[in-house]
Protein backbone atom coordinates (compact mmCIF):
# COMPACT_ATOMS: atom_id res chain seq x y z
CA UNK A 1 133.08 98.68 112.53
CA UNK A 2 133.70 101.22 115.17
CA UNK A 3 132.42 102.66 118.36
CA UNK A 4 129.70 104.88 116.18
CA UNK A 5 128.53 101.81 114.64
CA UNK A 6 128.31 99.73 117.12
CA UNK A 7 126.44 102.82 119.60
CA UNK A 8 123.95 103.15 116.62
CA UNK A 9 123.40 99.53 116.44
CA UNK A 10 122.73 99.08 120.34
CA UNK A 11 120.37 101.85 119.73
CA UNK A 12 118.14 100.50 116.57
CA UNK A 13 118.09 97.22 118.95
CA UNK A 14 117.08 98.91 122.30
CA UNK A 15 113.89 100.77 119.85
CA UNK A 16 113.21 97.38 118.24
CA UNK A 17 112.92 95.96 122.13
CA UNK A 18 110.42 98.63 123.44
CA UNK A 19 108.60 98.45 120.14
CA UNK A 20 108.33 94.58 120.72
CA UNK A 21 104.95 92.95 121.34
CA UNK A 22 105.92 89.58 121.01
CA UNK A 23 105.64 87.85 123.81
CA UNK A 24 107.79 84.46 122.74
CA UNK A 25 110.65 85.84 121.80
CA UNK A 26 110.77 88.70 124.57
CA UNK A 27 111.20 85.78 126.80
CA UNK A 28 113.64 84.96 124.45
CA UNK A 29 115.54 87.64 124.83
CA UNK A 30 115.02 87.74 128.64
CA UNK A 31 116.55 84.39 128.58
CA UNK A 32 119.68 84.45 126.36
CA UNK A 33 120.30 87.63 129.39
CA UNK A 34 119.81 84.89 132.10
CA UNK A 35 121.77 82.44 130.65
CA UNK A 36 125.24 81.43 132.65
CA UNK A 37 127.20 80.05 130.44
CA UNK A 38 130.42 77.31 131.35
CA UNK A 39 133.60 78.75 130.15
CA UNK A 40 135.40 75.39 129.24
CA UNK A 41 139.01 75.02 131.26
CA UNK A 42 141.25 75.61 128.36
CA UNK A 43 139.73 78.94 127.36
CA UNK A 44 140.11 79.87 130.99
CA UNK A 45 143.81 78.75 130.86
CA UNK A 46 144.00 80.44 127.40
CA UNK A 47 143.23 83.55 128.54
CA UNK A 48 145.54 83.61 131.40
CA UNK A 49 148.13 82.97 129.46
CA UNK A 50 147.74 85.39 127.08
CA UNK A 51 147.01 87.21 129.86
CA UNK A 52 151.39 86.41 130.80
CA UNK A 53 152.51 87.04 127.59
CA UNK A 54 151.01 90.83 127.61
CA UNK A 55 152.95 91.00 131.08
CA UNK A 56 155.89 90.48 129.72
CA UNK A 57 155.49 92.60 126.73
CA UNK A 58 153.06 95.31 126.59
CA UNK A 59 153.58 96.98 123.71
CA UNK A 60 152.40 93.59 121.58
CA UNK A 61 148.62 93.90 122.34
CA UNK A 62 146.80 96.44 119.98
CA UNK A 63 143.89 98.34 120.60
CA UNK A 64 140.45 96.09 119.91
CA UNK A 65 139.12 98.92 117.02
CA UNK A 66 142.42 98.14 115.40
CA UNK A 67 141.41 94.27 115.31
CA UNK A 68 138.24 94.71 114.10
CA UNK A 69 139.60 96.90 111.27
CA UNK A 70 142.40 94.36 110.55
CA UNK A 71 139.33 90.99 110.47
CA UNK A 72 137.93 93.50 107.93
CA UNK A 73 140.25 93.71 105.68
CA UNK A 74 141.23 90.31 105.55
CA UNK A 75 138.50 88.60 104.80
CA UNK A 76 136.24 91.60 102.71
CA UNK A 77 133.98 92.61 106.37
């Protein structure tokens, strides 16, 4: 999935939401936006570890689109 696909999907969702008449679904969507998600400590530690590794070796990183392409190829998505 590339940036254009994501933008197209976002536009489709926005159009769908603006035409939505189902009150219960609107409330569910609103709650999704308002949900506070607790991030577990192990996940915070993993992010900090990866950031430190990136600081040591910035050339090891790949961009998001490349990562998505690799996942799509690996899992035939």
